[in-house]
């Protein structure tokens, strides 16, 4: 895997690209942990956002609580799917798969597309945003994972090299 290097005349202006690569890796892992932690909390009810009695393994719905309490622009649309089995399964598979892919640095193309879609849908549920007329953390996370997947920045600190050898004939899995 080639290393990302800036032209020599720019290197002195922006500092060490190695540090930047590490920061992209930390960002990727941190966003992955946000997804994966949400999965674990909703699955087991670890008491952060989801109490134990409302966990998925105790019969709760990972989508019902949040989606059924929306008041925003698209509340009616999202309230209609709250608590439906297909929505719960897609949401949980997405949280787990996207989280693990980002943490491990594998399947970044799929993780970027599906993660951006999930984050965009979550952004829609938040409209209108109270603190900013347009932007919130969901869009920032989506931009970050797309940028990391497209540039490959920080993937040398991941399982990406191994994954690419394993899936060499199926590049869409990269």
C-alpha atoms as a PDB file:
ATOM      1  CA  UNK A   1       0.000   0.000   0.000  1.00  0.00           C
ATOM      2  CA  UNK A   2       1.451   3.343  -0.970  1.00  0.00           C
ATOM      3  CA  UNK A   3       2.076   5.968   1.660  1.00  0.00           C
ATOM      4  CA  UNK A   4       0.395   9.325   1.296  1.00  0.00           C
ATOM      5  CA  UNK A   5       3.033  12.019   0.939  1.00  0.00           C
ATOM      6  CA  UNK A   6       2.726  15.687   0.308  1.00  0.00           C
ATOM      7  CA  UNK A   7       5.108  17.424  -2.107  1.00  0.00           C
ATOM      8  CA  UNK A   8       8.323  18.537  -0.350  1.00  0.00           C
ATOM      9  CA  UNK A   9       7.521  22.220  -0.732  1.00  0.00           C
ATOM     10  CA  UNK A  10       4.295  21.733   1.242  1.00  0.00           C
ATOM     11  CA  UNK A  11       5.630  19.348   3.877  1.00  0.00           C
ATOM     12  CA  UNK A  12       7.261  22.079   5.952  1.00  0.00           C
ATOM     13  CA  UNK A  13       4.057  24.113   5.941  1.00  0.00           C
ATOM     14  CA  UNK A  14       1.730  21.396   7.237  1.00  0.00           C
ATOM     15  CA  UNK A  15       3.996  19.333   9.459  1.00  0.00           C
ATOM     16  CA  UNK A  16       4.403  15.590   9.603  1.00  0.00           C
ATOM     17  CA  UNK A  17       2.023  13.599   7.410  1.00  0.00           C
ATOM     18  CA  UNK A  18       2.664  10.570   9.660  1.00  0.00           C
ATOM     19  CA  UNK A  19       0.963  12.400  12.523  1.00  0.00           C
ATOM     20  CA  UNK A  20      -1.907  13.313  10.196  1.00  0.00           C
ATOM     21  CA  UNK A  21      -2.286   9.657   9.184  1.00  0.00           C
ATOM     22  CA  UNK A  22      -2.439   8.684  12.838  1.00  0.00           C
ATOM     23  CA  UNK A  23      -5.090  11.345  13.476  1.00  0.00           C
ATOM     24  CA  UNK A  24      -7.205  10.014  10.601  1.00  0.00           C
ATOM     25  CA  UNK A  25      -6.873   6.534  12.106  1.00  0.00           C
ATOM     26  CA  UNK A  26      -7.923   7.814  15.538  1.00  0.00           C
ATOM     27  CA  UNK A  27     -10.889   9.637  13.964  1.00  0.00           C
ATOM     28  CA  UNK A  28     -11.927   6.483  12.071  1.00  0.00           C
ATOM     29  CA  UNK A  29     -11.709   4.336  15.194  1.00  0.00           C
ATOM     30  CA  UNK A  30     -13.528   6.920  17.336  1.00  0.00           C
ATOM     31  CA  UNK A  31     -16.448   7.203  14.909  1.00  0.00           C
ATOM     32  CA  UNK A  32     -16.498   3.415  14.641  1.00  0.00           C
ATOM     33  CA  UNK A  33     -16.695   3.178  18.413  1.00  0.00           C
ATOM     34  CA  UNK A  34     -19.671   5.567  18.434  1.00  0.00           C
ATOM     35  CA  UNK A  35     -21.528   3.191  16.107  1.00  0.00           C
ATOM     36  CA  UNK A  36     -20.425   0.008  17.868  1.00  0.00           C
ATOM     37  CA  UNK A  37     -21.145   1.361  21.352  1.00  0.00           C
ATOM     38  CA  UNK A  38     -24.679   2.321  20.253  1.00  0.00           C
ATOM     39  CA  UNK A  39     -25.114  -1.262  18.998  1.00  0.00           C
ATOM     40  CA  UNK A  40     -23.900  -2.777  22.283  1.00  0.00           C
ATOM     41  CA  UNK A  41     -25.954  -0.395  24.430  1.00  0.00           C
ATOM     42  CA  UNK A  42     -29.156  -1.059  22.480  1.00  0.00           C
ATOM     43  CA  UNK A  43     -28.502  -4.813  22.405  1.00  0.00           C
ATOM     44  CA  UNK A  44     -27.680  -5.308  26.093  1.00  0.00           C
ATOM     45  CA  UNK A  45     -29.091  -2.161  27.742  1.00  0.00           C
ATOM     46  CA  UNK A  46     -25.823  -1.068  29.314  1.00  0.00           C
ATOM     47  CA  UNK A  47     -27.539   1.861  31.024  1.00  0.00           C
ATOM     48  CA  UNK A  48     -26.128   4.741  28.995  1.00  0.00           C
ATOM     49  CA  UNK A  49     -28.814   5.524  26.389  1.00  0.00           C
ATOM     50  CA  UNK A  50     -30.746   2.279  26.870  1.00  0.00           C
ATOM     51  CA  UNK A  51     -31.822   0.889  30.246  1.00  0.00           C
ATOM     52  CA  UNK A  52     -31.486  -2.879  30.668  1.00  0.00           C
ATOM     53  CA  UNK A  53     -35.241  -3.470  30.663  1.00  0.00           C
ATOM     54  CA  UNK A  54     -35.558  -1.790  27.238  1.00  0.00           C
ATOM     55  CA  UNK A  55     -32.638  -3.634  25.629  1.00  0.00           C
ATOM     56  CA  UNK A  56     -33.166  -5.618  22.450  1.00  0.00           C
ATOM     57  CA  UNK A  57     -32.343  -8.932  24.162  1.00  0.00           C
ATOM     58  CA  UNK A  58     -34.998  -8.161  26.793  1.00  0.00           C
ATOM     59  CA  UNK A  59     -37.695  -7.564  24.168  1.00  0.00           C
ATOM     60  CA  UNK A  60     -37.214  -3.839  23.617  1.00  0.00           C
ATOM     61  CA  UNK A  61     -37.040  -2.165  20.240  1.00  0.00           C
ATOM     62  CA  UNK A  62     -33.875  -0.288  19.287  1.00  0.00           C
ATOM     63  CA  UNK A  63     -35.871   2.096  17.065  1.00  0.00           C
ATOM     64  CA  UNK A  64     -39.161   2.600  18.895  1.00  0.00           C
ATOM     65  CA  UNK A  65     -38.129   4.874  21.753  1.00  0.00           C
ATOM     66  CA  UNK A  66     -36.337   7.474  19.663  1.00  0.00           C
ATOM     67  CA  UNK A  67     -38.382   7.382  16.464  1.00  0.00           C
ATOM     68  CA  UNK A  68     -41.769   7.408  18.198  1.00  0.00           C
ATOM     69  CA  UNK A  69     -40.888  10.574  20.143  1.00  0.00           C
ATOM     70  CA  UNK A  70     -39.822  12.755  17.192  1.00  0.00           C
ATOM     71  CA  UNK A  71     -41.347  16.207  16.773  1.00  0.00           C
ATOM     72  CA  UNK A  72     -39.443  17.514  13.748  1.00  0.00           C
ATOM     73  CA  UNK A  73     -40.028  17.991  10.043  1.00  0.00           C
ATOM     74  CA  UNK A  74     -40.103  14.281   9.155  1.00  0.00           C
ATOM     75  CA  UNK A  75     -41.606  13.006  12.410  1.00  0.00           C
ATOM     76  CA  UNK A  76     -44.605  11.338  10.745  1.00  0.00           C
ATOM     77  CA  UNK A  77     -42.435   9.422   8.282  1.00  0.00           C
ATOM     78  CA  UNK A  78     -40.067   8.076  10.915  1.00  0.00           C
ATOM     79  CA  UNK A  79     -42.742   7.462  13.561  1.00  0.00           C
ATOM     80  CA  UNK A  80     -44.462   5.071  11.133  1.00  0.00           C
ATOM     81  CA  UNK A  81     -41.407   2.771  11.057  1.00  0.00           C
ATOM     82  CA  UNK A  82     -40.651   2.967  14.797  1.00  0.00           C
ATOM     83  CA  UNK A  83     -40.531  -0.470  16.384  1.00  0.00           C
ATOM     84  CA  UNK A  84     -41.019  -2.436  13.173  1.00  0.00           C
ATOM     85  CA  UNK A  85     -38.929  -5.631  13.140  1.00  0.00           C
ATOM     86  CA  UNK A  86     -37.332  -4.892   9.750  1.00  0.00           C
ATOM     87  CA  UNK A  87     -36.289  -1.414  10.936  1.00  0.00           C
ATOM     88  CA  UNK A  88     -34.857  -2.811  14.182  1.00  0.00           C
ATOM     89  CA  UNK A  89     -32.837  -5.468  12.336  1.00  0.00           C
ATOM     90  CA  UNK A  90     -31.517  -3.076   9.669  1.00  0.00           C
ATOM     91  CA  UNK A  91     -30.611  -0.486  12.279  1.00  0.00           C
ATOM     92  CA  UNK A  92     -28.783  -2.956  14.523  1.00  0.00           C
ATOM     93  CA  UNK A  93     -26.968  -4.681  11.641  1.00  0.00           C
ATOM     94  CA  UNK A  94     -25.954  -1.245  10.396  1.00  0.00           C
ATOM     95  CA  UNK A  95     -24.664  -0.054  13.766  1.00  0.00           C
ATOM     96  CA  UNK A  96     -22.660  -3.240  14.309  1.00  0.00           C
ATOM     97  CA  UNK A  97     -21.328  -3.612  10.761  1.00  0.00           C
ATOM     98  CA  UNK A  98     -20.418   0.021  10.249  1.00  0.00           C
ATOM     99  CA  UNK A  99     -18.860   0.242  13.711  1.00  0.00           C
ATOM    100  CA  UNK A 100     -16.697  -2.851  13.274  1.00  0.00           C
ATOM    101  CA  UNK A 101     -15.681  -1.904   9.721  1.00  0.00           C
ATOM    102  CA  UNK A 102     -14.524   1.531  10.875  1.00  0.00           C
ATOM    103  CA  UNK A 103     -12.733   0.234  13.972  1.00  0.00           C
ATOM    104  CA  UNK A 104     -10.912  -2.456  11.991  1.00  0.00           C
ATOM    105  CA  UNK A 105     -10.440  -0.380   8.815  1.00  0.00           C
ATOM    106  CA  UNK A 106     -11.963  -3.052   6.564  1.00  0.00           C
ATOM    107  CA  UNK A 107     -14.777  -2.755   4.051  1.00  0.00           C
ATOM    108  CA  UNK A 108     -14.365   1.004   4.103  1.00  0.00           C
ATOM    109  CA  UNK A 109     -16.225   1.614   0.833  1.00  0.00           C
ATOM    110  CA  UNK A 110     -19.320  -0.180   2.086  1.00  0.00           C
ATOM    111  CA  UNK A 111     -18.950   1.364   5.551  1.00  0.00           C
ATOM    112  CA  UNK A 112     -18.675   4.859   4.074  1.00  0.00           C
ATOM    113  CA  UNK A 113     -21.763   4.493   1.885  1.00  0.00           C
ATOM    114  CA  UNK A 114     -23.960   2.763   4.472  1.00  0.00           C
ATOM    115  CA  UNK A 115     -22.637   4.913   7.303  1.00  0.00           C
ATOM    116  CA  UNK A 116     -23.334   8.108   5.356  1.00  0.00           C
ATOM    117  CA  UNK A 117     -26.864   6.905   4.557  1.00  0.00           C
ATOM    118  CA  UNK A 118     -27.570   6.026   8.199  1.00  0.00           C
ATOM    119  CA  UNK A 119     -26.108   9.310   9.424  1.00  0.00           C
ATOM    120  CA  UNK A 120     -28.093  11.262   6.815  1.00  0.00           C
ATOM    121  CA  UNK A 121     -31.304   9.566   7.958  1.00  0.00           C
ATOM    122  CA  UNK A 122     -30.442  10.365  11.577  1.00  0.00           C
ATOM    123  CA  UNK A 123     -29.794  13.964  10.544  1.00  0.00           C
ATOM    124  CA  UNK A 124     -33.248  14.059   8.931  1.00  0.00           C
ATOM    125  CA  UNK A 125     -34.823  12.911  12.204  1.00  0.00           C
ATOM    126  CA  UNK A 126     -33.195  15.865  13.987  1.00  0.00           C
ATOM    127  CA  UNK A 127     -34.610  18.538  11.668  1.00  0.00           C
ATOM    128  CA  UNK A 128     -35.087  21.337  12.443  1.00  0.00           C
ATOM    129  CA  UNK A 129     -31.787  21.479  14.296  1.00  0.00           C
ATOM    130  CA  UNK A 130     -31.959  23.750  17.314  1.00  0.00           C
ATOM    131  CA  UNK A 131     -28.286  24.735  17.542  1.00  0.00           C
ATOM    132  CA  UNK A 132     -27.514  25.351  13.859  1.00  0.00           C
ATOM    133  CA  UNK A 133     -29.717  26.002  10.822  1.00  0.00           C
ATOM    134  CA  UNK A 134     -28.200  23.111   8.851  1.00  0.00           C
ATOM    135  CA  UNK A 135     -25.196  21.304  10.274  1.00  0.00           C
ATOM    136  CA  UNK A 136     -24.882  18.842  13.137  1.00  0.00           C
ATOM    137  CA  UNK A 137     -22.552  16.016  14.145  1.00  0.00           C
ATOM    138  CA  UNK A 138     -24.285  13.451  11.931  1.00  0.00           C
ATOM    139  CA  UNK A 139     -23.188  15.244   8.778  1.00  0.00           C
ATOM    140  CA  UNK A 140     -19.683  15.870  10.133  1.00  0.00           C
ATOM    141  CA  UNK A 141     -19.262  12.144  10.894  1.00  0.00           C
ATOM    142  CA  UNK A 142     -20.562  11.273   7.411  1.00  0.00           C
ATOM    143  CA  UNK A 143     -18.099  13.677   5.763  1.00  0.00           C
ATOM    144  CA  UNK A 144     -15.239  12.246   7.843  1.00  0.00           C
ATOM    145  CA  UNK A 145     -15.898   8.583   7.036  1.00  0.00           C
ATOM    146  CA  UNK A 146     -16.362   9.353   3.351  1.00  0.00           C
ATOM    147  CA  UNK A 147     -13.084  11.319   3.307  1.00  0.00           C
ATOM    148  CA  UNK A 148     -11.206   8.516   5.055  1.00  0.00           C
ATOM    149  CA  UNK A 149     -12.622   5.847   2.722  1.00  0.00           C
ATOM    150  CA  UNK A 150     -11.940   7.862  -0.434  1.00  0.00           C
ATOM    151  CA  UNK A 151      -8.392   8.908   0.485  1.00  0.00           C
ATOM    152  CA  UNK A 152      -7.349   5.832   2.448  1.00  0.00           C
ATOM    153  CA  UNK A 153      -5.819   8.167   5.033  1.00  0.00           C
ATOM    154  CA  UNK A 154      -5.004   6.374   8.268  1.00  0.00           C
ATOM    155  CA  UNK A 155      -5.729   2.907   6.899  1.00  0.00           C
ATOM    156  CA  UNK A 156      -2.131   1.800   7.322  1.00  0.00           C
ATOM    157  CA  UNK A 157      -3.052   1.655  11.020  1.00  0.00           C
ATOM    158  CA  UNK A 158      -5.726  -0.977  10.419  1.00  0.00           C
ATOM    159  CA  UNK A 159      -6.409  -4.409   9.015  1.00  0.00           C
ATOM    160  CA  UNK A 160      -6.898  -2.870   5.541  1.00  0.00           C
ATOM    161  CA  UNK A 161      -3.723  -4.336   3.987  1.00  0.00           C
ATOM    162  CA  UNK A 162      -4.693  -7.859   5.087  1.00  0.00           C
ATOM    163  CA  UNK A 163      -8.333  -7.288   4.057  1.00  0.00           C
ATOM    164  CA  UNK A 164      -7.320  -6.097   0.592  1.00  0.00           C
ATOM    165  CA  UNK A 165      -5.185  -9.198   0.038  1.00  0.00           C
ATOM    166  CA  UNK A 166      -8.058 -11.396   1.231  1.00  0.00           C
ATOM    167  CA  UNK A 167     -10.635  -9.693  -1.023  1.00  0.00           C
ATOM    168  CA  UNK A 168      -8.365  -8.898  -3.985  1.00  0.00           C
ATOM    169  CA  UNK A 169     -10.867 -10.205  -6.541  1.00  0.00           C
ATOM    170  CA  UNK A 170     -13.778  -8.284  -4.997  1.00  0.00           C
ATOM    171  CA  UNK A 171     -12.471  -4.719  -4.838  1.00  0.00           C
ATOM    172  CA  UNK A 172     -15.943  -3.399  -3.989  1.00  0.00           C
ATOM    173  CA  UNK A 173     -15.438  -4.962  -0.551  1.00  0.00           C
ATOM    174  CA  UNK A 174     -12.468  -2.671   0.140  1.00  0.00           C
END
